[in-house]
Amino acid sequence: MNSREKILQRLRQSSPLQNPATSPFGNDAGIFADYTDDENKWLSQFRAKFAALNGELYEVGNIAEAGQQIQKLLSGASPVLAQEHPLIREILPTVEPDTDFYPGLELSAPEFAEYQAAISVADCLVARTGSIVLNSRSAGGRRLSILPPLHIVIAKTNQLVPSLSEAIALYLKTKMDWSYAVIITGPSRTSDIEKQLVLGAHGPKRLAIVLLHAS
């Protein structure tokens, strides 16, 4: 065994490759006063937090209503790019204009810049912060939720979790092949210039959720 192999062996022994079984972060229940484990309160808490962030929340009862709401949101926004997902495939036949499905890196940056709206599906919604959580695979790629001026997210009420610690715990249990997770808390914003709030500074100016009430 040469010197390099000895060093690598020591590193492996001192730093196990196995992921921890639980979240390395503290549980939010013991930190935040507005944490609630009452499932009946998660939706109302999410509504209030998301509205305070200038997010647009549209609650619907079925697939047909979801399509109608997306149709209204897309008024004047064309072309449209969507994540490849069964739920979106089910909704979009009733939506005009025609929507392209995101092909990943095959789509060049100049071509991507032409899209005025994007549609993706959430992994979960965080009640305490009004946040949307998704990862690079479920979001259809890194660019889809970041670059178009309008980002529409489809979610279901049974995807609500009380806080970020539970969202992280869900990810630790998955074995999906994804490279990053993102927490979206309201439309892109900045107050760097004269402390004036500007939306759409570093990402979508409008963030809308079409929330399906799970039966």
C-alpha atoms as a PDB file:
ATOM      1  CA  MET A   1       0.000   0.000   0.000  1.00  0.00           C
ATOM      2  CA  ASN A   2       1.516   3.312  -1.097  1.00  0.00           C
ATOM      3  CA  SER A   3       1.235   6.661   0.714  1.00  0.00           C
ATOM      4  CA  ARG A   4      -1.754   7.819  -1.311  1.00  0.00           C
ATOM      5  CA  GLU A   5      -3.736   4.671  -0.540  1.00  0.00           C
ATOM      6  CA  LYS A   6      -2.911   4.968   3.157  1.00  0.00           C
ATOM      7  CA  ILE A   7      -4.209   8.543   3.241  1.00  0.00           C
ATOM      8  CA  LEU A   8      -7.424   7.580   1.427  1.00  0.00           C
ATOM      9  CA  GLN A   9      -7.956   4.673   3.794  1.00  0.00           C
ATOM     10  CA  ARG A  10      -7.664   6.971   6.820  1.00  0.00           C
ATOM     11  CA  LEU A  11     -10.097   9.451   5.281  1.00  0.00           C
ATOM     12  CA  ARG A  12     -12.658   6.734   4.631  1.00  0.00           C
ATOM     13  CA  GLN A  13     -12.368   5.440   8.186  1.00  0.00           C
ATOM     14  CA  SER A  14     -12.746   8.885   9.742  1.00  0.00           C
ATOM     15  CA  SER A  15     -15.561  10.070   7.458  1.00  0.00           C
ATOM     16  CA  PRO A  16     -18.237   7.387   6.830  1.00  0.00           C
ATOM     17  CA  LEU A  17     -20.065   7.721   3.529  1.00  0.00           C
ATOM     18  CA  GLN A  18     -23.435   6.704   4.930  1.00  0.00           C
ATOM     19  CA  ASN A  19     -25.995   9.489   5.204  1.00  0.00           C
ATOM     20  CA  PRO A  20     -27.454  10.108   8.652  1.00  0.00           C
ATOM     21  CA  ALA A  21     -30.793   8.397   9.224  1.00  0.00           C
ATOM     22  CA  THR A  22     -32.310  11.572  10.599  1.00  0.00           C
ATOM     23  CA  SER A  23     -32.103  15.249   9.750  1.00  0.00           C
ATOM     24  CA  PRO A  24     -28.862  16.904  10.971  1.00  0.00           C
ATOM     25  CA  PHE A  25     -30.919  20.011  11.749  1.00  0.00           C
ATOM     26  CA  GLY A  26     -32.891  20.702  14.883  1.00  0.00           C
ATOM     27  CA  ASN A  27     -36.621  20.092  14.905  1.00  0.00           C
ATOM     28  CA  ASP A  28     -38.518  23.309  14.197  1.00  0.00           C
ATOM     29  CA  ALA A  29     -41.132  22.367  16.798  1.00  0.00           C
ATOM     30  CA  GLY A  30     -38.743  23.300  19.573  1.00  0.00           C
ATOM     31  CA  ILE A  31     -37.516  26.518  17.965  1.00  0.00           C
ATOM     32  CA  PHE A  32     -40.372  28.494  16.394  1.00  0.00           C
ATOM     33  CA  ALA A  33     -43.411  29.813  18.274  1.00  0.00           C
ATOM     34  CA  ASP A  34     -45.594  29.647  15.140  1.00  0.00           C
ATOM     35  CA  TYR A  35     -44.945  25.933  14.596  1.00  0.00           C
ATOM     36  CA  THR A  36     -48.093  23.820  14.716  1.00  0.00           C
ATOM     37  CA  ASP A  37     -48.510  20.068  14.422  1.00  0.00           C
ATOM     38  CA  ASP A  38     -52.276  20.441  13.951  1.00  0.00           C
ATOM     39  CA  GLU A  39     -52.902  19.365  10.340  1.00  0.00           C
ATOM     40  CA  ASN A  40     -56.189  21.288  10.304  1.00  0.00           C
ATOM     41  CA  LYS A  41     -54.254  24.546  10.674  1.00  0.00           C
ATOM     42  CA  TRP A  42     -51.547  23.973   8.052  1.00  0.00           C
ATOM     43  CA  LEU A  43     -53.578  25.174   5.083  1.00  0.00           C
ATOM     44  CA  SER A  44     -54.777  28.398   6.733  1.00  0.00           C
ATOM     45  CA  GLN A  45     -51.236  29.115   7.923  1.00  0.00           C
ATOM     46  CA  PHE A  46     -49.852  28.514   4.437  1.00  0.00           C
ATOM     47  CA  ARG A  47     -52.495  30.787   2.879  1.00  0.00           C
ATOM     48  CA  ALA A  48     -51.566  33.669   5.178  1.00  0.00           C
ATOM     49  CA  LYS A  49     -47.801  33.282   4.776  1.00  0.00           C
ATOM     50  CA  PHE A  50     -47.929  32.892   0.991  1.00  0.00           C
ATOM     51  CA  ALA A  51     -50.199  35.931   0.571  1.00  0.00           C
ATOM     52  CA  ALA A  52     -47.824  38.034   2.701  1.00  0.00           C
ATOM     53  CA  LEU A  53     -45.037  37.100   0.289  1.00  0.00           C
ATOM     54  CA  ASN A  54     -46.978  38.410  -2.751  1.00  0.00           C
ATOM     55  CA  GLY A  55     -47.639  34.889  -3.936  1.00  0.00           C
ATOM     56  CA  GLU A  56     -50.841  33.999  -5.805  1.00  0.00           C
ATOM     57  CA  LEU A  57     -52.756  31.008  -4.431  1.00  0.00           C
ATOM     58  CA  TYR A  58     -55.653  29.483  -6.382  1.00  0.00           C
ATOM     59  CA  GLU A  59     -57.498  26.596  -4.759  1.00  0.00           C
ATOM     60  CA  VAL A  60     -59.388  24.182  -6.997  1.00  0.00           C
ATOM     61  CA  GLY A  61     -61.415  21.053  -6.462  1.00  0.00           C
ATOM     62  CA  ASN A  62     -60.539  18.928  -9.495  1.00  0.00           C
ATOM     63  CA  ILE A  63     -58.441  18.583 -12.645  1.00  0.00           C
ATOM     64  CA  ALA A  64     -60.911  20.492 -14.826  1.00  0.00           C
ATOM     65  CA  GLU A  65     -60.877  23.492 -12.478  1.00  0.00           C
ATOM     66  CA  ALA A  66     -57.080  23.350 -12.368  1.00  0.00           C
ATOM     67  CA  GLY A  67     -56.970  23.566 -16.164  1.00  0.00           C
ATOM     68  CA  GLN A  68     -59.356  26.521 -16.170  1.00  0.00           C
ATOM     69  CA  GLN A  69     -57.282  28.381 -13.599  1.00  0.00           C
ATOM     70  CA  ILE A  70     -54.014  27.753 -15.450  1.00  0.00           C
ATOM     71  CA  GLN A  71     -55.708  28.999 -18.617  1.00  0.00           C
ATOM     72  CA  LYS A  72     -56.488  32.299 -16.884  1.00  0.00           C
ATOM     73  CA  LEU A  73     -52.958  32.618 -15.497  1.00  0.00           C
ATOM     74  CA  LEU A  74     -51.431  32.061 -18.925  1.00  0.00           C
ATOM     75  CA  SER A  75     -53.432  34.845 -20.561  1.00  0.00           C
ATOM     76  CA  GLY A  76     -50.914  36.817 -22.599  1.00  0.00           C
ATOM     77  CA  ALA A  77     -48.017  34.565 -21.586  1.00  0.00           C
ATOM     78  CA  SER A  78     -46.662  32.604 -24.525  1.00  0.00           C
ATOM     79  CA  PRO A  79     -44.753  30.404 -25.209  1.00  0.00           C
ATOM     80  CA  VAL A  80     -45.103  28.112 -22.176  1.00  0.00           C
ATOM     81  CA  LEU A  81     -42.709  25.437 -20.918  1.00  0.00           C
ATOM     82  CA  ALA A  82     -43.731  22.633 -18.558  1.00  0.00           C
ATOM     83  CA  GLN A  83     -42.103  19.918 -16.507  1.00  0.00           C
ATOM     84  CA  GLU A  84     -42.652  16.392 -17.803  1.00  0.00           C
ATOM     85  CA  HIS A  85     -45.025  15.051 -15.143  1.00  0.00           C
ATOM     86  CA  PRO A  86     -48.180  12.843 -15.239  1.00  0.00           C
ATOM     87  CA  LEU A  87     -50.247  15.419 -13.326  1.00  0.00           C
ATOM     88  CA  ILE A  88     -49.361  18.171 -15.792  1.00  0.00           C
ATOM     89  CA  ARG A  89     -50.070  15.828 -18.706  1.00  0.00           C
ATOM     90  CA  GLU A  90     -53.519  15.240 -17.232  1.00  0.00           C
ATOM     91  CA  ILE A  91     -54.304  18.950 -16.840  1.00  0.00           C
ATOM     92  CA  LEU A  92     -52.817  20.503 -19.969  1.00  0.00           C
ATOM     93  CA  PRO A  93     -55.070  19.104 -22.753  1.00  0.00           C
ATOM     94  CA  THR A  94     -57.660  21.718 -21.709  1.00  0.00           C
ATOM     95  CA  VAL A  95     -55.170  24.588 -21.716  1.00  0.00           C
ATOM     96  CA  GLU A  96     -54.317  26.972 -24.537  1.00  0.00           C
ATOM     97  CA  PRO A  97     -51.837  28.067 -25.826  1.00  0.00           C
ATOM     98  CA  ASP A  98     -49.969  24.865 -26.584  1.00  0.00           C
ATOM     99  CA  THR A  99     -47.339  24.001 -23.998  1.00  0.00           C
ATOM    100  CA  ASP A 100     -43.907  22.548 -24.678  1.00  0.00           C
ATOM    101  CA  PHE A 101     -42.393  19.995 -22.329  1.00  0.00           C
ATOM    102  CA  TYR A 102     -38.924  20.768 -21.021  1.00  0.00           C
ATOM    103  CA  PRO A 103     -36.311  18.609 -22.822  1.00  0.00           C
ATOM    104  CA  GLY A 104     -33.472  19.469 -20.430  1.00  0.00           C
ATOM    105  CA  LEU A 105     -30.060  20.493 -21.709  1.00  0.00           C
ATOM    106  CA  GLU A 106     -31.163  19.968 -25.307  1.00  0.00           C
ATOM    107  CA  LEU A 107     -32.827  23.372 -25.077  1.00  0.00           C
ATOM    108  CA  SER A 108     -30.264  26.127 -25.652  1.00  0.00           C
ATOM    109  CA  ALA A 109     -30.092  29.240 -23.478  1.00  0.00           C
ATOM    110  CA  PRO A 110     -31.345  31.583 -26.259  1.00  0.00           C
ATOM    111  CA  GLU A 111     -34.295  29.256 -26.930  1.00  0.00           C
ATOM    112  CA  PHE A 112     -35.082  29.013 -23.210  1.00  0.00           C
ATOM    113  CA  ALA A 113     -35.089  32.803 -22.871  1.00  0.00           C
ATOM    114  CA  GLU A 114     -38.095  33.000 -25.211  1.00  0.00           C
ATOM    115  CA  TYR A 115     -40.434  31.265 -22.738  1.00  0.00           C
ATOM    116  CA  GLN A 116     -42.693  33.581 -20.759  1.00  0.00           C
ATOM    117  CA  ALA A 117     -44.138  31.030 -18.328  1.00  0.00           C
ATOM    118  CA  ALA A 118     -43.154  27.732 -16.711  1.00  0.00           C
ATOM    119  CA  ILE A 119     -45.247  25.041 -15.020  1.00  0.00           C
ATOM    120  CA  SER A 120     -43.886  22.592 -12.455  1.00  0.00           C
ATOM    121  CA  VAL A 121     -45.129  20.292  -9.672  1.00  0.00           C
ATOM    122  CA  ALA A 122     -44.195  20.783  -6.009  1.00  0.00           C
ATOM    123  CA  ASP A 123     -42.670  18.101  -3.811  1.00  0.00           C
ATOM    124  CA  CYS A 124     -44.166  19.695  -0.710  1.00  0.00           C
ATOM    125  CA  LEU A 125     -45.486  22.970   0.706  1.00  0.00           C
ATOM    126  CA  VAL A 126     -44.218  24.372   4.017  1.00  0.00           C
ATOM    127  CA  ALA A 127     -47.010  25.843   6.133  1.00  0.00           C
ATOM    128  CA  ARG A 128     -44.858  27.796   8.596  1.00  0.00           C
ATOM    129  CA  THR A 129     -42.969  29.781   5.948  1.00  0.00           C
ATOM    130  CA  GLY A 130     -45.315  29.691   2.945  1.00  0.00           C
ATOM    131  CA  SER A 131     -42.585  27.976   0.920  1.00  0.00           C
ATOM    132  CA  ILE A 132     -42.551  25.603  -2.046  1.00  0.00           C
ATOM    133  CA  VAL A 133     -39.963  22.813  -1.964  1.00  0.00           C
ATOM    134  CA  LEU A 134     -38.798  20.980  -5.073  1.00  0.00           C
ATOM    135  CA  ASN A 135     -35.663  19.322  -6.395  1.00  0.00           C
ATOM    136  CA  SER A 136     -33.901  19.453  -9.735  1.00  0.00           C
ATOM    137  CA  ARG A 137     -35.479  16.236 -10.976  1.00  0.00           C
ATOM    138  CA  SER A 138     -39.042  16.868  -9.864  1.00  0.00           C
ATOM    139  CA  ALA A 139     -38.819  20.485 -11.017  1.00  0.00           C
ATOM    140  CA  GLY A 140     -37.861  19.402 -14.527  1.00  0.00           C
ATOM    141  CA  GLY A 141     -34.387  20.914 -14.323  1.00  0.00           C
ATOM    142  CA  ARG A 142     -32.532  23.812 -12.753  1.00  0.00           C
ATOM    143  CA  ARG A 143     -33.751  26.535 -15.102  1.00  0.00           C
ATOM    144  CA  LEU A 144     -37.474  25.871 -15.205  1.00  0.00           C
ATOM    145  CA  SER A 145     -38.386  27.422 -11.843  1.00  0.00           C
ATOM    146  CA  ILE A 146     -35.899  30.284 -12.099  1.00  0.00           C
ATOM    147  CA  LEU A 147     -35.856  31.998 -15.497  1.00  0.00           C
ATOM    148  CA  PRO A 148     -39.385  32.502 -16.961  1.00  0.00           C
ATOM    149  CA  PRO A 149     -41.195  35.636 -15.669  1.00  0.00           C
ATOM    150  CA  LEU A 150     -44.212  33.574 -14.525  1.00  0.00           C
ATOM    151  CA  HIS A 151     -43.815  30.350 -12.551  1.00  0.00           C
ATOM    152  CA  ILE A 152     -46.937  28.259 -11.982  1.00  0.00           C
ATOM    153  CA  VAL A 153     -46.671  25.462  -9.421  1.00  0.00           C
ATOM    154  CA  ILE A 154     -49.225  22.657  -9.157  1.00  0.00           C
ATOM    155  CA  ALA A 155     -49.597  21.094  -5.711  1.00  0.00           C
ATOM    156  CA  LYS A 156     -52.045  19.087  -3.615  1.00  0.00           C
ATOM    157  CA  THR A 157     -53.233  19.793  -0.094  1.00  0.00           C
ATOM    158  CA  ASN A 158     -51.851  16.447   1.113  1.00  0.00           C
ATOM    159  CA  GLN A 159     -48.363  17.748   0.273  1.00  0.00           C
ATOM    160  CA  LEU A 160     -48.482  20.269   3.121  1.00  0.00           C
ATOM    161  CA  VAL A 161     -45.941  19.816   5.913  1.00  0.00           C
ATOM    162  CA  PRO A 162     -45.758  21.956   9.052  1.00  0.00           C
ATOM    163  CA  SER A 163     -42.179  23.207   8.750  1.00  0.00           C
ATOM    164  CA  LEU A 164     -38.817  22.944   7.012  1.00  0.00           C
ATOM    165  CA  SER A 165     -37.538  20.227   9.325  1.00  0.00           C
ATOM    166  CA  GLU A 166     -40.284  17.884   8.084  1.00  0.00           C
ATOM    167  CA  ALA A 167     -39.544  18.812   4.454  1.00  0.00           C
ATOM    168  CA  ILE A 168     -35.860  17.951   4.967  1.00  0.00           C
ATOM    169  CA  ALA A 169     -36.803  14.684   6.676  1.00  0.00           C
ATOM    170  CA  LEU A 170     -38.910  13.715   3.629  1.00  0.00           C
ATOM    171  CA  TYR A 171     -35.931  14.285   1.330  1.00  0.00           C
ATOM    172  CA  LEU A 172     -33.622  12.218   3.515  1.00  0.00           C
ATOM    173  CA  LYS A 173     -35.981   9.265   3.096  1.00  0.00           C
ATOM    174  CA  THR A 174     -35.975   9.424  -0.711  1.00  0.00           C
ATOM    175  CA  LYS A 175     -33.538   7.689  -3.034  1.00  0.00           C
ATOM    176  CA  MET A 176     -34.211   9.837  -6.058  1.00  0.00           C
ATOM    177  CA  ASP A 177     -31.433  10.811  -8.437  1.00  0.00           C
ATOM    178  CA  TRP A 178     -31.363  14.608  -8.016  1.00  0.00           C
ATOM    179  CA  SER A 179     -28.549  17.103  -7.674  1.00  0.00           C
ATOM    180  CA  TYR A 180     -30.085  19.922  -5.630  1.00  0.00           C
ATOM    181  CA  ALA A 181     -33.207  20.979  -3.771  1.00  0.00           C
ATOM    182  CA  VAL A 182     -34.626  24.480  -3.750  1.00  0.00           C
ATOM    183  CA  ILE A 183     -36.919  26.275  -1.303  1.00  0.00           C
ATOM    184  CA  ILE A 184     -38.971  28.979  -3.028  1.00  0.00           C
ATOM    185  CA  THR A 185     -40.423  31.535  -0.630  1.00  0.00           C
ATOM    186  CA  GLY A 186     -42.393  34.014  -2.715  1.00  0.00           C
ATOM    187  CA  PRO A 187     -41.515  35.694  -6.031  1.00  0.00           C
ATOM    188  CA  SER A 188     -37.938  36.852  -6.600  1.00  0.00           C
ATOM    189  CA  ARG A 189     -37.281  40.152  -4.799  1.00  0.00           C
ATOM    190  CA  THR A 190     -34.638  42.632  -3.726  1.00  0.00           C
ATOM    191  CA  SER A 191     -34.484  45.857  -1.691  1.00  0.00           C
ATOM    192  CA  ASP A 192     -30.828  46.599  -2.408  1.00  0.00           C
ATOM    193  CA  ILE A 193     -31.518  49.907  -4.170  1.00  0.00           C
ATOM    194  CA  GLU A 194     -32.758  52.641  -1.806  1.00  0.00           C
ATOM    195  CA  LYS A 195     -34.589  49.968   0.240  1.00  0.00           C
ATOM    196  CA  GLN A 196     -37.373  49.869  -2.350  1.00  0.00           C
ATOM    197  CA  LEU A 197     -38.885  46.405  -2.818  1.00  0.00           C
ATOM    198  CA  VAL A 198     -38.620  45.211  -6.419  1.00  0.00           C
ATOM    199  CA  LEU A 199     -40.161  41.915  -7.555  1.00  0.00           C
ATOM    200  CA  GLY A 200     -38.625  39.807 -10.310  1.00  0.00           C
ATOM    201  CA  ALA A 201     -35.055  40.931  -9.670  1.00  0.00           C
ATOM    202  CA  HIS A 202     -33.350  37.532  -9.813  1.00  0.00           C
ATOM    203  CA  GLY A 203     -36.103  35.203 -11.010  1.00  0.00           C
ATOM    204  CA  PRO A 204     -39.859  35.043 -11.719  1.00  0.00           C
ATOM    205  CA  LYS A 205     -41.799  38.220 -11.011  1.00  0.00           C
ATOM    206  CA  ARG A 206     -44.991  36.211 -10.495  1.00  0.00           C
ATOM    207  CA  LEU A 207     -45.293  33.004  -8.505  1.00  0.00           C
ATOM    208  CA  ALA A 208     -48.660  31.218  -8.567  1.00  0.00           C
ATOM    209  CA  ILE A 209     -49.792  27.981  -6.960  1.00  0.00           C
ATOM    210  CA  VAL A 210     -52.735  26.009  -8.283  1.00  0.00           C
ATOM    211  CA  LEU A 211     -53.663  23.958  -5.224  1.00  0.00           C
ATOM    212  CA  LEU A 212     -55.758  20.824  -5.730  1.00  0.00           C
ATOM    213  CA  HIS A 213     -57.781  19.802  -2.693  1.00  0.00           C
ATOM    214  CA  ALA A 214     -56.925  16.139  -2.264  1.00  0.00           C
ATOM    215  CA  SER A 215     -59.935  13.890  -1.837  1.00  0.00           C
END
